[in-house]
Amino acid sequence: MRDGLLKQQESLDPLLTLRNGVGNLVHSQAAINGVFQAHFRAICMSRGEDKHDHGLALLAEIDLPRLMAESRATLQKPITRVEVVAAVKKFNTANSPGSDGLPAEFDQKYADQVGGYAAEGVPGGHAVGLPT
């Protein structure tokens, strides 16, 4: 009876094994969660491509409108976890998955975790001059 319940429970688990960042298979739910957390932390904290200097140079050539001091101050405030979570929950689920390969439904289900990593990563992008 117990074996039947275990097999039934395993069949309900959508993800039983996953490769971690160094290619080893992980099986426990805690380890799998850790792999996802590390993946999103890396995405949100990465410097991105080194093409940002070219992009900034192109922006410098455009005659952009000037912002009022109040608007500039608002835009320069750090993005909060609450703002990121609210934005993630508005993702259009009909769109194709993003560059991470995961659909919007995944991001929405784990918005609290994804939002935290994104909110942590955005100030780092500002610090190195990346457009975010």
C-alpha atoms as a PDB file:
ATOM      1  CA  MET A   1       0.000   0.000   0.000  1.00  0.00           C
ATOM      2  CA  ARG A   2       2.773   2.438   0.960  1.00  0.00           C
ATOM      3  CA  ASP A   3       4.696   1.764  -2.287  1.00  0.00           C
ATOM      4  CA  GLY A   4       1.552   2.488  -4.287  1.00  0.00           C
ATOM      5  CA  LEU A   5       1.095   5.823  -2.503  1.00  0.00           C
ATOM      6  CA  LEU A   6       4.735   6.751  -3.090  1.00  0.00           C
ATOM      7  CA  LYS A   7       4.464   5.948  -6.794  1.00  0.00           C
ATOM      8  CA  GLN A   8       1.232   7.921  -6.999  1.00  0.00           C
ATOM      9  CA  GLN A   9       2.856  10.902  -5.250  1.00  0.00           C
ATOM     10  CA  GLU A  10       5.913  10.701  -7.525  1.00  0.00           C
ATOM     11  CA  SER A  11       3.680  10.717 -10.591  1.00  0.00           C
ATOM     12  CA  LEU A  12       2.147  13.991  -9.377  1.00  0.00           C
ATOM     13  CA  ASP A  13       5.543  15.663  -8.966  1.00  0.00           C
ATOM     14  CA  PRO A  14       6.224  17.502 -12.236  1.00  0.00           C
ATOM     15  CA  LEU A  15       9.978  17.685 -11.677  1.00  0.00           C
ATOM     16  CA  LEU A  16      11.850  14.860  -9.964  1.00  0.00           C
ATOM     17  CA  THR A  17      15.400  15.359 -11.221  1.00  0.00           C
ATOM     18  CA  LEU A  18      17.309  18.384 -12.423  1.00  0.00           C
ATOM     19  CA  ARG A  19      20.928  19.199 -13.266  1.00  0.00           C
ATOM     20  CA  ASN A  20      22.522  21.829 -11.077  1.00  0.00           C
ATOM     21  CA  GLY A  21      24.928  24.523 -12.252  1.00  0.00           C
ATOM     22  CA  VAL A  22      27.891  22.123 -12.419  1.00  0.00           C
ATOM     23  CA  GLY A  23      25.965  19.381 -14.232  1.00  0.00           C
ATOM     24  CA  ASN A  24      25.244  17.047 -11.319  1.00  0.00           C
ATOM     25  CA  LEU A  25      21.771  15.540 -10.993  1.00  0.00           C
ATOM     26  CA  VAL A  26      19.790  16.636  -7.941  1.00  0.00           C
ATOM     27  CA  HIS A  27      16.716  14.772  -6.756  1.00  0.00           C
ATOM     28  CA  SER A  28      15.386  16.322  -3.555  1.00  0.00           C
ATOM     29  CA  GLN A  29      12.774  19.058  -3.696  1.00  0.00           C
ATOM     30  CA  ALA A  30      15.031  21.307  -1.600  1.00  0.00           C
ATOM     31  CA  ALA A  31      17.950  20.839  -4.010  1.00  0.00           C
ATOM     32  CA  ILE A  32      15.718  21.435  -7.052  1.00  0.00           C
ATOM     33  CA  ASN A  33      14.372  24.620  -5.447  1.00  0.00           C
ATOM     34  CA  GLY A  34      17.965  25.674  -4.785  1.00  0.00           C
ATOM     35  CA  VAL A  35      18.862  25.206  -8.463  1.00  0.00           C
ATOM     36  CA  PHE A  36      15.945  27.425  -9.537  1.00  0.00           C
ATOM     37  CA  GLN A  37      16.824  30.055  -6.939  1.00  0.00           C
ATOM     38  CA  ALA A  38      20.469  30.101  -8.023  1.00  0.00           C
ATOM     39  CA  HIS A  39      19.401  30.342 -11.685  1.00  0.00           C
ATOM     40  CA  PHE A  40      17.150  33.350 -11.100  1.00  0.00           C
ATOM     41  CA  ARG A  41      19.655  35.036  -8.814  1.00  0.00           C
ATOM     42  CA  ALA A  42      22.295  34.664 -11.554  1.00  0.00           C
ATOM     43  CA  ILE A  43      19.951  36.055 -14.227  1.00  0.00           C
ATOM     44  CA  CYS A  44      18.948  39.049 -12.140  1.00  0.00           C
ATOM     45  CA  MET A  45      22.440  39.807 -10.857  1.00  0.00           C
ATOM     46  CA  SER A  46      24.315  39.329 -14.144  1.00  0.00           C
ATOM     47  CA  ARG A  47      25.952  42.252 -15.909  1.00  0.00           C
ATOM     48  CA  GLY A  48      24.361  41.236 -19.181  1.00  0.00           C
ATOM     49  CA  GLU A  49      26.136  41.706 -22.482  1.00  0.00           C
ATOM     50  CA  ASP A  50      29.027  44.113 -22.794  1.00  0.00           C
ATOM     51  CA  LYS A  51      27.262  45.904 -25.642  1.00  0.00           C
ATOM     52  CA  HIS A  52      25.818  48.501 -23.266  1.00  0.00           C
ATOM     53  CA  ASP A  53      28.538  51.065 -24.129  1.00  0.00           C
ATOM     54  CA  HIS A  54      27.433  50.987 -27.769  1.00  0.00           C
ATOM     55  CA  GLY A  55      23.802  51.424 -26.713  1.00  0.00           C
ATOM     56  CA  LEU A  56      24.655  54.344 -24.457  1.00  0.00           C
ATOM     57  CA  ALA A  57      26.634  55.974 -27.283  1.00  0.00           C
ATOM     58  CA  LEU A  58      23.607  55.688 -29.578  1.00  0.00           C
ATOM     59  CA  LEU A  59      21.371  57.222 -26.925  1.00  0.00           C
ATOM     60  CA  ALA A  60      23.797  60.140 -26.561  1.00  0.00           C
ATOM     61  CA  GLU A  61      23.294  60.959 -30.258  1.00  0.00           C
ATOM     62  CA  ILE A  62      19.515  61.228 -29.906  1.00  0.00           C
ATOM     63  CA  ASP A  63      17.971  64.526 -28.879  1.00  0.00           C
ATOM     64  CA  LEU A  64      15.989  63.173 -25.941  1.00  0.00           C
ATOM     65  CA  PRO A  65      13.573  65.378 -24.001  1.00  0.00           C
ATOM     66  CA  ARG A  66      14.824  66.548 -20.605  1.00  0.00           C
ATOM     67  CA  LEU A  67      13.135  65.387 -17.417  1.00  0.00           C
ATOM     68  CA  MET A  68      12.009  67.662 -14.637  1.00  0.00           C
ATOM     69  CA  ALA A  69      14.002  67.224 -11.407  1.00  0.00           C
ATOM     70  CA  GLU A  70      11.024  65.600  -9.640  1.00  0.00           C
ATOM     71  CA  SER A  71      10.534  63.028 -12.416  1.00  0.00           C
ATOM     72  CA  ARG A  72      14.255  62.268 -12.475  1.00  0.00           C
ATOM     73  CA  ALA A  73      14.289  61.744  -8.693  1.00  0.00           C
ATOM     74  CA  THR A  74      11.327  59.358  -8.942  1.00  0.00           C
ATOM     75  CA  LEU A  75      12.966  57.351 -11.726  1.00  0.00           C
ATOM     76  CA  GLN A  76      16.259  57.105  -9.846  1.00  0.00           C
ATOM     77  CA  LYS A  77      14.694  55.544  -6.741  1.00  0.00           C
ATOM     78  CA  PRO A  78      15.516  51.866  -6.254  1.00  0.00           C
ATOM     79  CA  ILE A  79      12.905  49.472  -7.596  1.00  0.00           C
ATOM     80  CA  THR A  80      11.173  47.649  -4.770  1.00  0.00           C
ATOM     81  CA  ARG A  81      10.227  44.001  -4.493  1.00  0.00           C
ATOM     82  CA  VAL A  82       6.545  45.046  -4.309  1.00  0.00           C
ATOM     83  CA  GLU A  83       6.825  46.903  -7.641  1.00  0.00           C
ATOM     84  CA  VAL A  84       8.514  43.948  -9.332  1.00  0.00           C
ATOM     85  CA  VAL A  85       5.954  41.445  -8.002  1.00  0.00           C
ATOM     86  CA  ALA A  86       3.089  43.679  -9.181  1.00  0.00           C
ATOM     87  CA  ALA A  87       4.652  43.924 -12.660  1.00  0.00           C
ATOM     88  CA  VAL A  88       5.297  40.158 -12.869  1.00  0.00           C
ATOM     89  CA  LYS A  89       1.670  39.426 -11.985  1.00  0.00           C
ATOM     90  CA  LYS A  90       0.627  41.552 -14.991  1.00  0.00           C
ATOM     91  CA  PHE A  91       2.692  39.499 -17.478  1.00  0.00           C
ATOM     92  CA  ASN A  92       0.673  38.413 -20.501  1.00  0.00           C
ATOM     93  CA  THR A  93       0.461  34.621 -20.301  1.00  0.00           C
ATOM     94  CA  ALA A  94      -0.255  34.395 -24.041  1.00  0.00           C
ATOM     95  CA  ASN A  95       3.295  35.527 -24.877  1.00  0.00           C
ATOM     96  CA  SER A  96       6.152  33.163 -25.644  1.00  0.00           C
ATOM     97  CA  PRO A  97       8.581  32.309 -22.839  1.00  0.00           C
ATOM     98  CA  GLY A  98      11.307  34.848 -22.144  1.00  0.00           C
ATOM     99  CA  SER A  99      15.041  34.446 -22.646  1.00  0.00           C
ATOM    100  CA  ASP A 100      15.192  32.175 -19.598  1.00  0.00           C
ATOM    101  CA  GLY A 101      12.867  29.719 -21.378  1.00  0.00           C
ATOM    102  CA  LEU A 102      10.205  29.817 -18.676  1.00  0.00           C
ATOM    103  CA  PRO A 103       6.612  30.880 -19.366  1.00  0.00           C
ATOM    104  CA  ALA A 104       4.927  33.829 -17.664  1.00  0.00           C
ATOM    105  CA  GLU A 105       2.830  31.438 -15.557  1.00  0.00           C
ATOM    106  CA  PHE A 106       6.017  30.190 -13.859  1.00  0.00           C
ATOM    107  CA  ASP A 107       7.140  33.737 -13.062  1.00  0.00           C
ATOM    108  CA  GLN A 108       3.676  34.569 -11.740  1.00  0.00           C
ATOM    109  CA  LYS A 109       3.510  31.462  -9.549  1.00  0.00           C
ATOM    110  CA  TYR A 110       6.898  32.299  -8.017  1.00  0.00           C
ATOM    111  CA  ALA A 111       6.555  36.091  -8.272  1.00  0.00           C
ATOM    112  CA  ASP A 112       7.629  36.669  -4.668  1.00  0.00           C
ATOM    113  CA  GLN A 113      10.943  34.877  -5.197  1.00  0.00           C
ATOM    114  CA  VAL A 114      11.554  36.151  -8.741  1.00  0.00           C
ATOM    115  CA  GLY A 115      10.619  39.677  -7.665  1.00  0.00           C
ATOM    116  CA  GLY A 116      13.100  39.604  -4.833  1.00  0.00           C
ATOM    117  CA  TYR A 117      15.970  38.537  -7.071  1.00  0.00           C
ATOM    118  CA  ALA A 118      15.070  41.123  -9.696  1.00  0.00           C
ATOM    119  CA  ALA A 119      14.795  43.912  -7.115  1.00  0.00           C
ATOM    120  CA  GLU A 120      18.229  42.921  -5.764  1.00  0.00           C
ATOM    121  CA  GLY A 121      19.755  42.825  -9.257  1.00  0.00           C
ATOM    122  CA  VAL A 122      18.486  46.097 -10.689  1.00  0.00           C
ATOM    123  CA  PRO A 123      20.506  48.372  -8.360  1.00  0.00           C
ATOM    124  CA  GLY A 124      23.626  46.417  -9.358  1.00  0.00           C
ATOM    125  CA  GLY A 125      22.886  47.197 -12.997  1.00  0.00           C
ATOM    126  CA  HIS A 126      22.556  50.876 -12.176  1.00  0.00           C
ATOM    127  CA  ALA A 127      25.857  50.811 -10.284  1.00  0.00           C
ATOM    128  CA  VAL A 128      27.767  49.593 -13.345  1.00  0.00           C
ATOM    129  CA  GLY A 129      25.867  51.856 -15.740  1.00  0.00           C
ATOM    130  CA  LEU A 130      23.692  49.242 -17.434  1.00  0.00           C
ATOM    131  CA  PRO A 131      20.393  50.410 -18.887  1.00  0.00           C
ATOM    132  CA  THR A 132      17.701  48.423 -17.072  1.00  0.00           C
END
